[in-house]
Protein backbone atom coordinates (compact mmCIF):
# COMPACT_ATOMS: atom_id res chain seq x y z
CA UNK A 1 73.14 -36.09 51.89
CA UNK A 2 73.14 -34.12 48.62
CA UNK A 3 71.59 -37.08 46.86
CA UNK A 4 68.77 -37.26 49.31
CA UNK A 5 67.98 -33.60 48.79
CA UNK A 6 67.88 -34.01 45.02
CA UNK A 7 65.35 -36.84 45.21
CA UNK A 8 63.18 -34.85 47.58
CA UNK A 9 63.18 -31.83 45.33
CA UNK A 10 62.35 -33.98 42.32
CA UNK A 11 59.33 -35.52 44.10
CA UNK A 12 58.02 -32.10 45.03
CA UNK A 13 58.37 -30.90 41.44
CA UNK A 14 56.49 -33.93 40.10
CA UNK A 15 53.68 -33.38 42.66
CA UNK A 16 53.30 -29.73 41.66
CA UNK A 17 53.15 -30.59 37.99
CA UNK A 18 50.51 -33.26 38.51
CA UNK A 19 48.34 -30.87 40.53
CA UNK A 20 48.61 -28.20 37.82
CA UNK A 21 47.64 -30.67 35.09
CA UNK A 22 44.66 -31.87 37.12
CA UNK A 23 43.39 -28.37 37.77
CA UNK A 24 43.68 -27.10 34.22
CA UNK A 25 42.29 -30.20 32.60
CA UNK A 26 39.46 -31.43 34.87
CA UNK A 27 38.06 -28.10 35.95
CA UNK A 28 37.96 -26.72 32.47
CA UNK A 29 36.12 -29.83 31.42
CA UNK A 30 33.52 -29.37 34.13
CA UNK A 31 32.97 -25.72 33.16
CA UNK A 32 32.61 -26.61 29.53
CA UNK A 33 30.04 -29.28 30.34
CA UNK A 34 27.95 -26.83 32.37
CA UNK A 35 27.99 -24.28 29.58
CA UNK A 36 27.01 -26.88 27.02
CA UNK A 37 24.10 -28.08 29.20
CA UNK A 38 22.81 -24.54 29.66
CA UNK A 39 23.00 -23.88 25.95
CA UNK A 40 21.11 -27.08 25.27
CA UNK A 41 18.28 -26.11 27.65
CA UNK A 42 17.99 -22.65 26.12
CA UNK A 43 17.76 -24.16 22.67
CA UNK A 44 15.07 -26.60 23.79
CA UNK A 45 13.09 -23.80 25.44
CA UNK A 46 13.30 -21.69 22.30
CA UNK A 47 11.98 -24.50 20.14
CA UNK A 48 9.41 -25.85 22.68
CA UNK A 49 5.77 -25.63 21.49
CA UNK A 50 3.77 -22.75 23.11
CA UNK A 51 0.65 -23.89 25.04
CA UNK A 52 -2.50 -22.49 23.40
CA UNK A 53 -4.67 -20.10 25.47
CA UNK A 54 -7.33 -21.78 27.58
CA UNK A 55 -10.81 -21.59 26.09
CA UNK A 56 -13.52 -20.14 28.35
CA UNK A 57 -17.20 -19.48 27.76
CA UNK A 58 -18.33 -15.89 28.22
CA UNK A 59 -21.68 -14.18 28.41
CA UNK A 60 -22.84 -10.56 28.53
CA UNK A 61 -25.84 -10.69 30.92
CA UNK A 62 -28.83 -8.42 30.41
CA UNK A 63 -29.27 -5.45 32.76
CA UNK A 64 -32.22 -5.25 35.14
CA UNK A 65 -33.47 -2.73 37.70
CA UNK A 66 -33.93 -4.61 40.94
CA UNK A 67 -34.85 -3.38 44.44
CA UNK A 68 -32.07 -4.03 46.92
CA UNK A 69 -33.04 -6.53 49.61
CA UNK A 70 -31.83 -6.18 53.20
CA UNK A 71 -32.53 -9.36 55.14
CA UNK A 72 -32.29 -9.99 58.86
CA UNK A 73 -33.52 -12.37 61.51
CA UNK A 74 -35.96 -10.96 64.02
CA UNK A 75 -38.86 -11.59 66.35
CA UNK A 76 -42.41 -10.29 66.66
CA UNK A 77 -43.31 -8.02 69.53
CA UNK A 78 -46.48 -6.42 70.83
CA UNK A 79 -47.12 -2.81 69.89
CA UNK A 80 -47.84 -2.12 73.58
CA UNK A 81 -47.37 -4.29 76.63
CA UNK A 82 -48.44 -3.49 80.19
CA UNK A 83 -48.18 -5.47 83.39
CA UNK A 84 -51.16 -4.27 85.43
CA UNK A 85 -50.79 -3.92 89.21
CA UNK A 86 -53.00 -2.83 92.11
CA UNK A 87 -52.66 0.57 93.76
CA UNK A 88 -54.02 -0.74 97.05
CA UNK A 89 -54.15 -4.02 98.94
CA UNK A 90 -57.26 -6.05 99.68
CA UNK A 91 -59.53 -8.94 98.69
CA UNK A 92 -60.52 -9.32 95.03
CA UNK A 93 -64.26 -8.73 94.85
CA UNK A 94 -64.68 -8.59 91.05
CA UNK A 95 -62.60 -10.14 88.25
CA UNK A 96 -64.69 -9.75 85.07
CA UNK A 97 -61.95 -10.67 82.54
CA UNK A 98 -60.40 -13.93 81.41
CA UNK A 99 -57.21 -14.75 79.53
CA UNK A 100 -57.51 -14.01 75.82
CA UNK A 101 -60.39 -11.58 76.27
CA UNK A 102 -60.34 -8.33 74.29
CA UNK A 103 -60.90 -5.13 76.24
CA UNK A 104 -61.24 -1.44 75.48
CA UNK A 105 -59.56 1.51 77.16
CA UNK A 106 -61.11 2.02 80.60
CA UNK A 107 -62.72 -1.43 80.89
CA UNK A 108 -62.68 -2.89 84.41
CA UNK A 109 -60.03 -5.56 84.92
CA UNK A 110 -60.29 -6.03 88.69
CA UNK A 111 -62.00 -4.48 91.73
CA UNK A 112 -61.10 -4.97 95.39
CA UNK A 113 -63.62 -5.11 98.18
CA UNK A 114 -63.93 -1.59 99.70
CA UNK A 115 -66.98 -1.29 101.94
CA UNK A 116 -65.42 1.39 104.17
CA UNK A 117 -64.27 3.43 101.16
CA UNK A 118 -67.73 3.25 99.61
CA UNK A 119 -69.21 4.44 102.88
CA UNK A 120 -66.75 7.32 102.95
CA UNK A 121 -67.88 8.38 99.47
CA UNK A 122 -71.55 8.22 100.54
CA UNK A 123 -70.80 10.34 103.60
CA UNK A 124 -68.91 12.87 101.53
CA UNK A 125 -71.78 13.08 99.02
CA UNK A 126 -74.30 13.68 101.85
CA UNK A 127 -72.10 16.38 103.36
CA UNK A 128 -71.74 18.04 99.97
CA UNK A 129 -75.50 18.09 99.50
CA UNK A 130 -75.89 19.71 102.93
CA UNK A 131 -73.25 22.35 102.22
CA UNK A 132 -74.82 23.14 98.83
CA UNK A 133 -78.20 23.71 100.50
CA UNK A 134 -76.65 25.91 103.19
CA UNK A 135 -74.73 27.92 100.62
CA UNK A 136 -77.85 28.41 98.51
CA UNK A 137 -79.71 29.82 101.51
CA UNK A 138 -76.77 32.02 102.42
CA UNK A 139 -76.59 33.42 98.90
CA UNK A 140 -80.29 34.30 99.02
CA UNK A 141 -79.92 36.08 102.35
CA UNK A 142 -76.84 37.92 101.13
CA UNK A 143 -78.71 39.26 98.12
CA UNK A 144 -81.46 40.63 100.37
CA UNK A 145 -78.92 42.19 102.71
CA UNK A 146 -79.83 40.01 105.66
CA UNK A 147 -76.48 38.15 105.92
CA UNK A 148 -73.10 39.52 106.76
CA UNK A 149 -70.29 39.31 104.20
CA UNK A 150 -68.18 37.24 106.53
CA UNK A 151 -70.88 34.61 106.90
CA UNK A 152 -71.36 34.15 103.16
CA UNK A 153 -67.59 33.68 102.76
CA UNK A 154 -67.66 30.99 105.44
CA UNK A 155 -70.54 29.24 103.65
CA UNK A 156 -68.66 29.20 100.38
CA UNK A 157 -65.52 27.83 102.06
CA UNK A 158 -67.51 25.04 103.67
CA UNK A 159 -68.98 24.11 100.29
CA UNK A 160 -65.53 23.99 98.67
CA UNK A 161 -64.22 21.84 101.50
CA UNK A 162 -67.11 19.40 101.09
CA UNK A 163 -66.38 19.06 97.39
CA UNK A 164 -62.71 18.37 98.10
CA UNK A 165 -63.63 15.71 100.64
CA UNK A 166 -65.87 13.99 98.10
CA UNK A 167 -63.13 14.06 95.44
CA UNK A 168 -60.61 12.59 97.90
CA UNK A 169 -63.02 9.82 98.91
CA UNK A 170 -63.75 8.99 95.28
CA UNK A 171 -60.03 8.93 94.43
CA UNK A 172 -59.36 6.58 97.33
CA UNK A 173 -62.19 4.31 96.18
CA UNK A 174 -60.83 4.28 92.59
CA UNK A 175 -57.52 2.93 93.94
CA UNK A 176 -59.36 -0.35 94.51
CA UNK A 177 -59.94 -0.70 90.77
CA UNK A 178 -57.65 -1.77 87.93
CA UNK A 179 -58.75 -0.63 84.47
CA UNK A 180 -57.34 -1.18 80.96
CA UNK A 181 -54.95 1.65 79.93
CA UNK A 182 -55.41 0.88 76.21
CA UNK A 183 -57.28 -1.37 73.78
CA UNK A 184 -55.84 -4.86 73.72
CA UNK A 185 -56.10 -8.47 74.74
CA UNK A 186 -55.69 -9.85 78.25
CA UNK A 187 -52.78 -12.20 77.73
CA UNK A 188 -52.46 -13.40 81.31
CA UNK A 189 -54.39 -13.21 84.58
CA UNK A 190 -52.24 -13.85 87.63
CA UNK A 191 -54.90 -13.80 90.40
CA UNK A 192 -58.18 -15.47 91.29
CA UNK A 193 -61.49 -14.10 92.48
CA UNK A 194 -61.52 -13.90 96.29
CA UNK A 195 -57.76 -14.01 96.71
CA UNK A 196 -55.79 -11.39 98.61
CA UNK A 197 -53.34 -9.04 96.90
CA UNK A 198 -50.91 -6.49 98.25
CA UNK A 199 -50.37 -2.96 97.02
CA UNK A 200 -48.36 -3.10 93.78
CA UNK A 201 -49.12 -6.79 93.22
CA UNK A 202 -49.16 -7.98 89.58
CA UNK A 203 -52.63 -9.02 88.50
CA UNK A 204 -52.70 -9.23 84.68
CA UNK A 205 -50.74 -8.65 81.45
CA UNK A 206 -52.32 -6.62 78.65
CA UNK A 207 -51.06 -6.65 75.05
CA UNK A 208 -51.87 -4.48 72.09
CA UNK A 209 -51.20 -6.53 68.93
CA UNK A 210 -52.57 -4.21 66.26
CA UNK A 211 -50.20 -3.49 64.75
CA UNK A 212 -47.79 -6.23 65.72
CA UNK A 213 -44.10 -5.39 65.35
CA UNK A 214 -41.38 -7.36 63.61
CA UNK A 215 -38.13 -6.29 65.24
CA UNK A 216 -34.61 -6.90 63.93
CA UNK A 217 -31.21 -5.23 63.67
CA UNK A 218 -29.29 -4.02 60.61
CA UNK A 219 -25.59 -3.43 60.16
CA UNK A 220 -23.86 -0.07 59.82
CA UNK A 221 -23.40 -0.54 56.06
CA UNK A 222 -27.08 -1.25 55.43
CA UNK A 223 -28.42 1.58 57.58
CA UNK A 224 -28.07 4.26 54.89
CA UNK A 225 -30.31 2.30 52.50
CA UNK A 226 -33.32 2.41 54.84
CA UNK A 227 -35.87 5.02 55.83
CA UNK A 228 -39.22 4.98 57.72
CA UNK A 229 -42.30 4.28 55.65
CA UNK A 230 -40.66 1.82 53.25
CA UNK A 231 -42.32 -1.54 52.64
CA UNK A 232 -41.10 -4.75 54.23
CA UNK A 233 -41.86 -8.45 53.89
CA UNK A 234 -41.93 -10.70 56.94
CA UNK A 235 -41.80 -14.50 56.80
CA UNK A 236 -42.85 -16.13 60.07
CA UNK A 237 -41.38 -19.38 61.35
CA UNK A 238 -44.60 -21.19 60.37
CA UNK A 239 -44.21 -20.07 56.74
CA UNK A 240 -46.81 -17.30 56.83
CA UNK A 241 -45.91 -14.24 54.74
CA UNK A 242 -47.13 -10.82 55.90
CA UNK A 243 -46.33 -7.27 54.82
CA UNK A 244 -45.72 -4.10 56.77
CA UNK A 245 -43.69 -0.91 56.70
CA UNK A 246 -40.73 0.43 58.60
CA UNK A 247 -42.02 2.41 61.59
CA UNK A 248 -38.83 3.11 63.47
CA UNK A 249 -35.05 3.08 62.86
CA UNK A 250 -32.83 3.50 65.89
CA UNK A 251 -30.07 6.10 65.69
CA UNK A 252 -28.12 4.50 68.56
CA UNK A 253 -26.17 1.33 67.79
CA UNK A 254 -26.08 -1.64 70.14
CA UNK A 255 -22.69 -1.44 71.85
CA UNK A 256 -21.88 -5.15 71.56
CA UNK A 257 -22.84 -5.73 67.91
CA UNK A 258 -22.76 -2.21 66.38
CA UNK A 259 -26.16 -2.85 64.83
CA UNK A 260 -29.30 -0.72 64.79
CA UNK A 261 -32.83 -1.69 65.86
CA UNK A 262 -35.52 -1.71 63.18
CA UNK A 263 -39.28 -1.92 63.83
CA UNK A 264 -41.70 -3.02 61.10
CA UNK A 265 -45.40 -2.41 61.82
CA UNK A 266 -47.70 -5.17 60.50
CA UNK A 267 -51.49 -4.73 60.42
CA UNK A 268 -52.96 -7.37 62.74
CA UNK A 269 -56.59 -6.51 63.30
CA UNK A 270 -57.61 -10.13 63.74
CA UNK A 271 -54.70 -10.91 66.02
CA UNK A 272 -53.44 -13.83 63.94
CA UNK A 273 -49.78 -12.92 64.41
CA UNK A 274 -48.69 -13.45 68.02
CA UNK A 275 -45.84 -11.76 69.84
CA UNK A 276 -42.57 -13.63 70.37
CA UNK A 277 -42.52 -15.53 67.04
CA UNK A 278 -39.29 -15.93 65.08
CA UNK A 279 -39.36 -14.08 61.76
CA UNK A 280 -37.21 -13.27 58.73
CA UNK A 281 -37.50 -9.63 57.74
CA UNK A 282 -36.81 -8.47 54.17
CA UNK A 283 -36.61 -4.74 53.58
CA UNK A 284 -36.96 -3.43 50.01
CA UNK A 285 -35.17 -0.22 49.06
CA UNK A 286 -34.70 1.77 45.86
CA UNK A 287 -34.00 -0.31 42.69
CA UNK A 288 -30.43 -0.36 41.36
CA UNK A 289 -28.88 -1.30 38.02
CA UNK A 290 -27.83 -4.96 38.27
CA UNK A 291 -27.54 -8.33 36.54
CA UNK A 292 -28.80 -11.77 37.52
CA UNK A 293 -26.36 -14.68 37.48
CA UNK A 294 -26.32 -18.22 38.86
CA UNK A 295 -24.39 -18.81 42.07
CA UNK A 296 -21.83 -21.03 40.28
CA UNK A 297 -20.43 -18.03 38.36
CA UNK A 298 -19.35 -16.22 41.52
CA UNK A 299 -15.77 -16.96 42.60
CA UNK A 300 -12.99 -15.66 44.85
CA UNK A 301 -10.01 -13.52 43.91
CA UNK A 302 -6.46 -14.23 45.07
CA UNK A 303 -7.12 -11.84 47.97
CA UNK A 304 -10.29 -13.65 48.96
CA UNK A 305 -12.75 -11.05 47.61
CA UNK A 306 -16.09 -12.23 46.25
CA UNK A 307 -16.73 -11.40 42.60
CA UNK A 308 -16.79 -12.61 39.01
CA UNK A 309 -14.08 -13.08 36.37
CA UNK A 310 -14.40 -11.59 32.94
CA UNK A 311 -12.43 -10.92 29.77
CA UNK A 312 -11.25 -7.47 28.67
CA UNK A 313 -10.63 -6.17 25.15
CA UNK A 314 -7.21 -7.87 25.01
CA UNK A 315 -8.69 -11.25 26.00
CA UNK A 316 -7.04 -11.03 29.40
CA UNK A 317 -8.77 -12.29 32.52
CA UNK A 318 -9.92 -9.55 34.89
CA UNK A 319 -11.62 -9.78 38.26
CA UNK A 320 -14.56 -7.59 39.27
CA UNK A 321 -15.80 -7.39 42.85
CA UNK A 322 -19.58 -7.55 43.20
CA UNK A 323 -22.27 -5.90 45.29
CA UNK A 324 -24.87 -8.44 46.38
CA UNK A 325 -28.22 -6.76 45.73
CA UNK A 326 -30.47 -9.77 46.35
CA UNK A 327 -30.38 -13.53 46.73
CA UNK A 328 -33.45 -14.93 45.00
CA UNK A 329 -34.60 -18.48 44.23
CA UNK A 330 -33.75 -17.81 40.57
CA UNK A 331 -30.17 -16.66 41.18
CA UNK A 332 -28.03 -13.87 42.56
CA UNK A 333 -28.80 -10.26 41.68
CA UNK A 334 -25.45 -8.48 41.50
CA UNK A 335 -24.50 -4.82 41.27
CA UNK A 336 -21.20 -3.18 40.49
CA UNK A 337 -20.65 -5.02 37.18
CA UNK A 338 -19.61 -2.69 34.31
CA UNK A 339 -21.88 -2.30 31.31
CA UNK A 340 -21.09 -4.82 28.57
CA UNK A 341 -18.60 -6.84 30.63
CA UNK A 342 -18.00 -10.31 29.21
CA UNK A 343 -18.35 -12.56 32.22
CA UNK A 344 -16.75 -16.01 32.24
CA UNK A 345 -19.52 -18.51 32.92
CA UNK A 346 -17.51 -21.70 32.28
CA UNK A 347 -13.87 -22.19 33.26
CA UNK A 348 -13.63 -19.20 35.58
CA UNK A 349 -12.00 -21.30 38.30
CA UNK A 350 -9.28 -22.58 35.94
CA UNK A 351 -7.78 -19.18 35.12
CA UNK A 352 -6.34 -16.29 37.08
CA UNK A 353 -6.16 -12.57 36.57
CA UNK A 354 -3.84 -11.56 33.76
CA UNK A 355 -4.08 -14.87 31.85
CA UNK A 356 -4.67 -14.58 28.12
CA UNK A 357 -7.62 -16.78 27.17
CA UNK A 358 -9.65 -17.74 24.15
CA UNK A 359 -13.16 -16.46 24.91
CA UNK A 360 -16.11 -17.99 23.09
CA UNK A 361 -19.76 -17.13 23.48
CA UNK A 362 -21.59 -19.54 25.73
CA UNK A 363 -23.50 -22.06 23.64
CA UNK A 364 -27.14 -22.96 24.09
CA UNK A 365 -26.32 -25.98 26.24
CA UNK A 366 -24.20 -23.89 28.64
CA UNK A 367 -26.85 -21.21 28.89
CA UNK A 368 -29.51 -23.84 29.54
CA UNK A 369 -27.34 -25.47 32.21
CA UNK A 370 -26.73 -22.12 33.90
CA UNK A 371 -30.43 -21.36 33.75
CA UNK A 372 -31.09 -24.69 35.42
CA UNK A 373 -28.63 -23.83 38.18
CA UNK A 374 -30.22 -20.42 38.67
CA UNK A 375 -33.69 -21.86 39.00
CA UNK A 376 -32.58 -24.78 41.13
CA UNK A 377 -33.30 -27.29 38.36
């Protein structure tokens, strides 16, 4: 029994010793290897060659004074538009106008047959003539003292009543006529000679197209740049270019779009510009200090802002947000760029803000290529 215990204790002692040797030897070896590897990497990093700064082409663009352009889509509208209707019902007896005919204020558009109303006017005119003659005789007698005061007052009242009856008959007769409320062109005639119309029935549409209006809407940000009387350019869908001036700027925004209505008045004496035509409206406002650059130079920042990249005095890349003044066929006109800023015109998309670069002045070939991009060549 004692022998068995001795062997068991010896085995346990050997096991403990082996475990201790394994732990102190193997683990220390692993730790040493890790430290040696880390030291090796640090040494390699210290002696690794440093990448040279990226070379970019820079350019200091010339400054220009350019009028800000506010562009919007719009449509042409008539200066005045009236849907003419009858004030009485009846049969059309006269219809002297046709579609497309020009008329002046007060010209006859339509007349209804009104024999009984004409007769009423004739009767009222005859009665008025009778009352005028009676009143004249009464006045003569009153001056000579041969007519009582009460009788002369009755004569004058009868004359006034006759005049009122004539005016009422004439007004009723005029209800059978439709006349032009302003100068314009008859755009549409909805009835035919001899047809019957009811009171309030639509008979014609009258337009005043001089001036014709180009109507659009501007955003809240652009509203402060504009004021009535400023010049505007309008390009019609058929390519025709016309000029006008801002006549009206709404002070009440459209609820759905938060935009403001703009009306541009365009001289149109010959009526060549119709209403309802699609148009592009360009409003010119006060000139601002700006530069012109090709579209390829403009890039996005890490936050998604539109701008250009440049190089500061320490040759570090900086980003500058831009203000789009105009978009012309020869390039973008940009505001908000500091005076003398060196703008990266080649390689701007290969660097980020804060990078140290090697800026070189754009050579003739680069400038020529950028000029070709700006002009669409």
